[in-house]
């Protein structure tokens, strides 16, 4: 799976030359308070989040990569 941040800090799954918005998955990580965990929480939880991200990408409208700012 290829993931990216695009436009106004949206989270996307890249499939071919299309980006599918899966920003909603960030809600699965939950809020964190100080002291903040080390590292990137998305990447640290990717094994758990990946199936949900794929499901969201299946349902999300896509945008061409050429039409977004990475």
C-alpha atoms as a PDB file:
ATOM      1  CA  UNK A   1       0.000   0.000   0.000  1.00  0.00           C
ATOM      2  CA  UNK A   2       1.241   3.466  -0.881  1.00  0.00           C
ATOM      3  CA  UNK A   3       0.051   6.241   1.396  1.00  0.00           C
ATOM      4  CA  UNK A   4       0.489   9.979   1.080  1.00  0.00           C
ATOM      5  CA  UNK A   5      -0.385  13.322   2.585  1.00  0.00           C
ATOM      6  CA  UNK A   6      -1.957  15.672   0.071  1.00  0.00           C
ATOM      7  CA  UNK A   7      -3.688  19.026  -0.334  1.00  0.00           C
ATOM      8  CA  UNK A   8      -4.672  20.335   3.095  1.00  0.00           C
ATOM      9  CA  UNK A   9      -2.936  17.523   5.049  1.00  0.00           C
ATOM     10  CA  UNK A  10      -5.394  14.858   3.891  1.00  0.00           C
ATOM     11  CA  UNK A  11      -4.331  11.229   4.150  1.00  0.00           C
ATOM     12  CA  UNK A  12      -4.614   9.216   0.968  1.00  0.00           C
ATOM     13  CA  UNK A  13      -4.081   5.749  -0.434  1.00  0.00           C
ATOM     14  CA  UNK A  14      -2.461   5.834  -3.863  1.00  0.00           C
ATOM     15  CA  UNK A  15      -3.683   3.315  -6.413  1.00  0.00           C
ATOM     16  CA  UNK A  16      -2.204   3.669  -9.858  1.00  0.00           C
ATOM     17  CA  UNK A  17      -2.429   7.352 -10.704  1.00  0.00           C
ATOM     18  CA  UNK A  18      -5.330   8.029  -8.323  1.00  0.00           C
ATOM     19  CA  UNK A  19      -5.456   9.174  -4.685  1.00  0.00           C
ATOM     20  CA  UNK A  20      -8.291   7.970  -2.455  1.00  0.00           C
ATOM     21  CA  UNK A  21      -9.035   9.981   0.696  1.00  0.00           C
ATOM     22  CA  UNK A  22      -8.773   7.875   3.866  1.00  0.00           C
ATOM     23  CA  UNK A  23      -8.315  10.772   6.305  1.00  0.00           C
ATOM     24  CA  UNK A  24     -11.116   9.373   8.441  1.00  0.00           C
ATOM     25  CA  UNK A  25      -8.770   6.607   9.646  1.00  0.00           C
ATOM     26  CA  UNK A  26      -6.929   9.111  11.848  1.00  0.00           C
ATOM     27  CA  UNK A  27      -9.897   8.899  14.235  1.00  0.00           C
ATOM     28  CA  UNK A  28      -8.916   5.269  14.891  1.00  0.00           C
ATOM     29  CA  UNK A  29      -5.596   6.391  16.384  1.00  0.00           C
ATOM     30  CA  UNK A  30      -7.290   8.580  18.956  1.00  0.00           C
ATOM     31  CA  UNK A  31      -6.125  11.684  20.774  1.00  0.00           C
ATOM     32  CA  UNK A  32      -2.899  11.729  22.777  1.00  0.00           C
ATOM     33  CA  UNK A  33      -1.816  13.943  25.593  1.00  0.00           C
ATOM     34  CA  UNK A  34       1.580  14.937  26.869  1.00  0.00           C
ATOM     35  CA  UNK A  35       3.907  13.120  27.089  1.00  0.00           C
ATOM     36  CA  UNK A  36       3.330  12.312  23.430  1.00  0.00           C
ATOM     37  CA  UNK A  37       4.256   8.835  22.181  1.00  0.00           C
ATOM     38  CA  UNK A  38       7.478   8.619  20.196  1.00  0.00           C
ATOM     39  CA  UNK A  39       7.438   8.083  16.468  1.00  0.00           C
ATOM     40  CA  UNK A  40       4.686   8.212  13.873  1.00  0.00           C
ATOM     41  CA  UNK A  41       1.483   6.734  15.314  1.00  0.00           C
ATOM     42  CA  UNK A  42       0.038   6.032  11.884  1.00  0.00           C
ATOM     43  CA  UNK A  43       3.037   3.933  10.889  1.00  0.00           C
ATOM     44  CA  UNK A  44       3.243   2.303  14.328  1.00  0.00           C
ATOM     45  CA  UNK A  45      -0.391   1.162  13.961  1.00  0.00           C
ATOM     46  CA  UNK A  46      -0.341   0.460  10.226  1.00  0.00           C
ATOM     47  CA  UNK A  47      -0.762  -3.328  10.536  1.00  0.00           C
ATOM     48  CA  UNK A  48      -3.964  -2.756  12.505  1.00  0.00           C
ATOM     49  CA  UNK A  49      -5.226   0.150  10.374  1.00  0.00           C
ATOM     50  CA  UNK A  50      -4.389  -1.218   6.910  1.00  0.00           C
ATOM     51  CA  UNK A  51      -7.565  -3.304   6.372  1.00  0.00           C
ATOM     52  CA  UNK A  52      -9.731  -0.341   7.367  1.00  0.00           C
ATOM     53  CA  UNK A  53      -7.736   1.993   5.128  1.00  0.00           C
ATOM     54  CA  UNK A  54      -8.205  -0.375   2.178  1.00  0.00           C
ATOM     55  CA  UNK A  55     -11.947  -0.501   2.874  1.00  0.00           C
ATOM     56  CA  UNK A  56     -12.169   3.295   3.046  1.00  0.00           C
ATOM     57  CA  UNK A  57     -10.166   3.616  -0.186  1.00  0.00           C
ATOM     58  CA  UNK A  58     -12.586   1.227  -1.935  1.00  0.00           C
ATOM     59  CA  UNK A  59     -15.488   3.552  -1.077  1.00  0.00           C
ATOM     60  CA  UNK A  60     -13.776   6.941  -1.436  1.00  0.00           C
ATOM     61  CA  UNK A  61     -13.966   8.993  -4.606  1.00  0.00           C
ATOM     62  CA  UNK A  62     -10.568   9.342  -6.218  1.00  0.00           C
ATOM     63  CA  UNK A  63      -8.573  12.271  -7.544  1.00  0.00           C
ATOM     64  CA  UNK A  64      -5.774  12.068 -10.095  1.00  0.00           C
ATOM     65  CA  UNK A  65      -2.338  12.514  -8.544  1.00  0.00           C
ATOM     66  CA  UNK A  66      -1.701  15.269 -11.071  1.00  0.00           C
ATOM     67  CA  UNK A  67      -4.612  17.206  -9.534  1.00  0.00           C
ATOM     68  CA  UNK A  68      -3.401  17.218  -5.917  1.00  0.00           C
ATOM     69  CA  UNK A  69      -0.491  18.795  -4.068  1.00  0.00           C
ATOM     70  CA  UNK A  70       1.612  16.102  -2.393  1.00  0.00           C
END
